Amino acid sequence: MQRLRYDDITMRYPSEDGAGTLALDGLSFSVEKGESVAIIGPSGCGKSSTLQMAAGLLQPTGGSVTIDGAPVTAPRQNTSLILQDFGLLPWKTVRDNAELGLKIHGVGKAERRQRAERALGLVGLQDFAQAYPSGLSGGMRQRLALARSLALDVDLLLMDEPLSALDALLREQLQDTLLALWQAQGYAQILVTHSIEEAVFLGQRILVLTPRPGRVIAVVDNPDVGSDDYRGSDAFFERCTDIRKKLRAAVEAAKEASHA
């Protein structure tokens, strides 16, 4: 069953010349309940805008975005968006940061504490509840951002380049964490990334977008996600190679069209 659906989305931003900048044009796809989808494409093709629409932070110029069949017109309690900068409040403790979303949604203090502590346990930060973000490593801050989302009992997790600022080894470790949490919790998720390897490691389907205006040019099924030693397998290498070719073809086609 579908959790999230985009129907013929257009997104045009204002520009100084009055014509506007077309970021997305005719974008259509859906995400099933419990499914993990990765989106990859050139910079400026509307990937972040796509997530903001699902989070209720941005309305499309045309088309519709629905969750469980209902139009998305405002932020929703069971949807969480994780950004590249994590969005943590430096003056609040780890526990307070984990409770923040619950507090915004009016959850009582005792329940907030219980759900936040459970979420911190899921990401291995229970012993750092009284610490502050400045005392955490980059990977720990990312796990804290995940804990804040998990405390909300999300059924839809949206991630916009959440691991791009981390070094390669730590990034792989956090990818393992994201995979394990998704498998254990069963929520639907969308990951926006510039990393082909990350998309293939985490996405059951990978959507390849064209340069601006963004359109889905290819959908790559990736059924081996979560299998043992997937990163080291021939299937992983072949899928990365396939997506790299599709991205290059999309960019070349856009260049030819612009010079036509």
Protein backbone atom coordinates (compact mmCIF):
# COMPACT_ATOMS: atom_id res chain seq x y z
CA MET A 1 0.00 0.00 0.00
CA GLN A 2 1.18 3.50 -0.79
CA ARG A 3 2.40 5.80 1.95
CA LEU A 4 3.45 8.77 -0.20
CA ARG A 5 2.53 9.80 -3.72
CA TYR A 6 3.65 12.58 -6.06
CA ASP A 7 1.36 13.26 -9.02
CA ASP A 8 2.62 15.37 -11.94
CA ILE A 9 4.52 17.81 -9.71
CA THR A 10 5.67 21.16 -11.05
CA MET A 11 7.73 23.56 -8.97
CA ARG A 12 8.60 27.01 -10.25
CA TYR A 13 10.52 29.50 -8.12
CA PRO A 14 10.36 33.28 -8.65
CA SER A 15 13.25 34.88 -10.55
CA GLU A 16 14.37 38.42 -11.23
CA ASP A 17 13.33 38.29 -14.89
CA GLY A 18 9.78 37.34 -13.89
CA ALA A 19 9.80 34.11 -15.87
CA GLY A 20 10.58 31.97 -12.82
CA THR A 21 12.96 29.04 -12.44
CA LEU A 22 11.42 25.67 -13.20
CA ALA A 23 12.91 23.25 -10.65
CA LEU A 24 10.60 20.26 -11.18
CA ASP A 25 8.43 19.37 -14.15
CA GLY A 26 6.06 16.41 -14.33
CA LEU A 27 7.54 14.57 -11.35
CA SER A 28 5.51 11.47 -10.47
CA PHE A 29 6.35 8.55 -8.22
CA SER A 30 5.13 6.81 -5.08
CA VAL A 31 6.63 5.21 -1.98
CA GLU A 32 5.05 2.13 -0.48
CA LYS A 33 4.58 1.58 3.25
CA GLY A 34 7.87 0.32 4.67
CA GLU A 35 9.79 0.97 1.46
CA SER A 36 13.19 2.65 1.20
CA VAL A 37 13.66 4.89 -1.85
CA ALA A 38 16.81 6.80 -2.79
CA ILE A 39 16.78 9.85 -5.08
CA ILE A 40 19.89 10.85 -6.98
CA GLY A 41 20.49 13.52 -9.58
CA PRO A 42 22.60 16.57 -10.47
CA SER A 43 22.71 19.61 -8.19
CA GLY A 44 19.74 21.93 -8.64
CA CYS A 45 17.35 19.30 -10.02
CA GLY A 46 14.78 19.74 -7.24
CA LYS A 47 15.69 16.87 -4.92
CA SER A 48 15.47 18.94 -1.73
CA SER A 49 12.25 20.60 -2.91
CA THR A 50 10.78 17.13 -3.36
CA LEU A 51 11.46 16.27 0.29
CA GLN A 52 10.17 19.62 1.56
CA MET A 53 6.85 19.01 -0.19
CA ALA A 54 6.45 15.65 1.56
CA ALA A 55 7.32 17.33 4.87
CA GLY A 56 4.59 19.94 4.35
CA LEU A 57 7.09 22.81 4.22
CA LEU A 58 6.62 23.66 0.54
CA GLN A 59 3.62 23.58 -1.76
CA PRO A 60 4.08 22.63 -5.43
CA THR A 61 3.19 25.05 -8.20
CA GLY A 62 1.24 22.25 -9.87
CA GLY A 63 0.24 18.67 -9.14
CA SER A 64 -0.35 17.07 -5.76
CA VAL A 65 1.51 15.35 -2.94
CA THR A 66 -0.49 12.95 -0.76
CA ILE A 67 0.24 10.79 2.29
CA ASP A 68 -2.14 7.90 2.85
CA GLY A 69 -4.38 9.53 0.24
CA ALA A 70 -4.65 12.90 2.02
CA PRO A 71 -3.10 16.08 0.53
CA VAL A 72 0.01 17.32 2.36
CA THR A 73 -0.71 20.92 3.30
CA ALA A 74 1.23 21.26 6.57
CA PRO A 75 3.83 19.40 8.67
CA ARG A 76 2.62 16.04 9.95
CA GLN A 77 3.48 14.48 13.30
CA ASN A 78 4.51 11.08 11.92
CA THR A 79 6.74 12.52 9.18
CA SER A 80 10.27 13.59 10.03
CA LEU A 81 12.83 15.46 7.92
CA ILE A 82 16.55 15.20 8.69
CA LEU A 83 18.76 17.86 7.11
CA GLN A 84 22.48 17.94 6.39
CA ASP A 85 23.19 20.23 9.37
CA PHE A 86 21.14 17.96 11.71
CA GLY A 87 19.07 20.91 13.05
CA LEU A 88 20.18 20.36 16.66
CA LEU A 89 19.82 23.08 19.33
CA PRO A 90 23.29 23.57 20.88
CA TRP A 91 21.94 24.97 24.16
CA LYS A 92 19.84 21.88 24.86
CA THR A 93 21.05 18.53 26.13
CA VAL A 94 21.00 15.36 24.08
CA ARG A 95 17.81 14.25 25.84
CA ASP A 96 16.14 17.62 25.34
CA ASN A 97 17.03 17.56 21.65
CA ALA A 98 15.59 14.07 21.34
CA GLU A 99 12.38 15.28 23.02
CA LEU A 100 12.05 18.43 20.92
CA GLY A 101 9.70 17.13 18.24
CA LEU A 102 7.47 15.55 20.88
CA LYS A 103 7.34 18.80 22.84
CA ILE A 104 6.37 20.76 19.72
CA HIS A 105 3.52 18.30 19.17
CA GLY A 106 2.26 18.72 22.75
CA VAL A 107 3.23 15.32 24.15
CA GLY A 108 3.29 15.28 27.97
CA LYS A 109 6.56 15.42 29.88
CA ALA A 110 6.54 11.84 31.20
CA GLU A 111 5.75 10.33 27.81
CA ARG A 112 8.33 12.59 26.14
CA ARG A 113 11.01 11.36 28.49
CA GLN A 114 10.09 7.70 27.98
CA ARG A 115 9.98 7.90 24.19
CA ALA A 116 13.17 9.98 23.95
CA GLU A 117 15.12 7.57 26.16
CA ARG A 118 13.92 4.63 24.09
CA ALA A 119 15.02 6.39 20.88
CA LEU A 120 18.42 7.27 22.36
CA GLY A 121 18.85 3.61 23.24
CA LEU A 122 18.09 2.57 19.66
CA VAL A 123 20.97 4.73 18.36
CA GLY A 124 23.38 3.99 21.22
CA LEU A 125 23.32 7.41 22.90
CA GLN A 126 21.59 6.55 26.16
CA ASP A 127 24.79 7.22 28.15
CA PHE A 128 25.08 10.74 26.68
CA ALA A 129 21.62 12.03 27.64
CA GLN A 130 23.01 14.90 29.73
CA ALA A 131 25.71 15.93 27.22
CA TYR A 132 25.40 18.80 24.76
CA PRO A 133 25.76 18.60 20.96
CA SER A 134 29.11 20.43 21.10
CA GLY A 135 30.52 17.48 23.03
CA LEU A 136 29.46 14.92 20.43
CA SER A 137 31.31 13.72 17.37
CA GLY A 138 29.80 14.26 13.92
CA GLY A 139 28.53 10.70 13.84
CA MET A 140 26.96 11.03 17.28
CA ARG A 141 25.21 14.25 16.27
CA GLN A 142 23.79 12.43 13.26
CA ARG A 143 22.56 9.63 15.51
CA LEU A 144 20.95 12.21 17.77
CA ALA A 145 19.08 13.65 14.79
CA LEU A 146 17.88 10.12 14.05
CA ALA A 147 16.82 9.61 17.66
CA ARG A 148 14.70 12.78 17.55
CA SER A 149 12.92 11.39 14.49
CA LEU A 150 12.47 7.91 15.97
CA ALA A 151 11.01 9.36 19.17
CA LEU A 152 8.10 10.61 17.08
CA ASP A 153 7.22 7.03 16.01
CA VAL A 154 7.55 8.11 12.40
CA ASP A 155 6.02 6.19 9.54
CA LEU A 156 7.81 8.36 6.97
CA LEU A 157 11.44 9.46 7.31
CA LEU A 158 12.86 12.02 4.87
CA MET A 159 16.63 12.54 4.70
CA ASP A 160 18.34 15.30 2.73
CA GLU A 161 22.05 14.53 2.31
CA PRO A 162 22.31 13.60 6.01
CA LEU A 163 25.77 12.01 5.82
CA SER A 164 27.54 14.20 3.27
CA ALA A 165 29.69 16.08 5.82
CA LEU A 166 31.16 12.89 7.33
CA ASP A 167 34.39 11.12 6.43
CA ALA A 168 34.17 7.97 4.33
CA LEU A 169 34.49 5.35 7.08
CA LEU A 170 32.10 7.11 9.46
CA ARG A 171 29.68 7.61 6.60
CA GLU A 172 29.61 3.86 5.95
CA GLN A 173 29.07 3.18 9.65
CA LEU A 174 26.10 5.54 9.71
CA GLN A 175 24.74 3.97 6.53
CA ASP A 176 24.80 0.66 8.41
CA THR A 177 22.89 2.33 11.26
CA LEU A 178 20.29 3.78 8.89
CA LEU A 179 19.81 0.38 7.27
CA ALA A 180 19.45 -1.45 10.59
CA LEU A 181 16.97 1.08 12.00
CA TRP A 182 14.82 1.03 8.86
CA GLN A 183 14.76 -2.78 8.89
CA ALA A 184 13.87 -2.86 12.59
CA GLN A 185 11.29 -0.05 12.67
CA GLY A 186 9.54 -0.63 9.34
CA TYR A 187 8.90 2.99 8.34
CA ALA A 188 8.97 4.25 4.77
CA GLN A 189 11.93 6.45 3.94
CA ILE A 190 13.32 8.65 1.18
CA LEU A 191 17.02 9.42 1.03
CA VAL A 192 18.30 12.26 -1.16
CA THR A 193 21.99 11.85 -1.88
CA HIS A 194 24.73 12.71 -4.36
CA SER A 195 26.50 9.43 -3.59
CA ILE A 196 25.75 6.60 -6.00
CA GLU A 197 27.14 4.03 -3.55
CA GLU A 198 24.97 5.38 -0.73
CA ALA A 199 21.86 5.29 -2.91
CA VAL A 200 22.52 1.68 -3.88
CA PHE A 201 23.31 0.62 -0.31
CA LEU A 202 20.10 2.06 1.15
CA GLY A 203 17.49 2.28 -1.59
CA GLN A 204 15.24 -0.63 -2.57
CA ARG A 205 14.51 1.58 -5.56
CA ILE A 206 16.72 4.35 -6.87
CA LEU A 207 15.12 7.23 -8.77
CA VAL A 208 17.46 8.99 -11.19
CA LEU A 209 16.50 12.59 -11.92
CA THR A 210 17.42 14.73 -14.91
CA PRO A 211 19.20 18.08 -14.58
CA ARG A 212 16.84 20.98 -13.85
CA PRO A 213 13.94 20.81 -14.32
CA GLY A 214 13.97 17.51 -12.46
CA ARG A 215 12.08 14.58 -13.94
CA VAL A 216 12.41 10.87 -13.21
CA ILE A 217 14.45 9.50 -16.09
CA ALA A 218 15.03 6.02 -14.63
CA VAL A 219 13.85 3.81 -11.78
CA VAL A 220 16.35 1.14 -10.76
CA ASP A 221 15.09 -1.80 -8.71
CA ASN A 222 17.58 -2.84 -6.05
CA PRO A 223 16.25 -6.00 -4.35
CA ASP A 224 19.56 -6.96 -2.73
CA VAL A 225 19.47 -4.13 -0.17
CA GLY A 226 20.25 -5.51 3.27
CA SER A 227 21.88 -8.72 2.04
CA ASP A 228 25.12 -9.88 3.66
CA ASP A 229 28.24 -8.05 2.47
CA TYR A 230 26.27 -6.22 -0.19
CA ARG A 231 28.93 -3.49 -0.54
CA GLY A 232 31.49 -6.09 -1.59
CA SER A 233 29.28 -7.97 -4.02
CA ASP A 234 29.28 -8.03 -7.82
CA ALA A 235 25.60 -7.02 -7.78
CA PHE A 236 26.44 -3.84 -5.84
CA PHE A 237 29.20 -2.89 -8.27
CA GLU A 238 27.02 -3.58 -11.31
CA ARG A 239 24.14 -1.50 -9.95
CA CYS A 240 26.43 1.43 -9.15
CA THR A 241 27.87 1.23 -12.66
CA ASP A 242 24.39 1.16 -14.18
CA ILE A 243 23.25 4.23 -12.25
CA ARG A 244 26.46 6.11 -13.08
CA LYS A 245 25.80 5.48 -16.78
CA LYS A 246 22.20 6.67 -16.44
CA LEU A 247 23.29 9.86 -14.67
CA ARG A 248 25.92 10.62 -17.31
CA ALA A 249 23.41 10.00 -20.08
CA ALA A 250 20.90 12.36 -18.45
CA VAL A 251 23.50 15.12 -18.14
CA GLU A 252 24.69 14.67 -21.73
CA ALA A 253 21.13 14.71 -23.05
CA ALA A 254 20.44 17.94 -21.15
CA LYS A 255 23.59 19.54 -22.60
CA GLU A 256 22.58 18.57 -26.13
CA ALA A 257 19.07 19.92 -25.62
CA SER A 258 20.41 23.25 -24.34
CA HIS A 259 22.56 23.67 -27.46
CA ALA A 260 19.87 22.62 -29.90
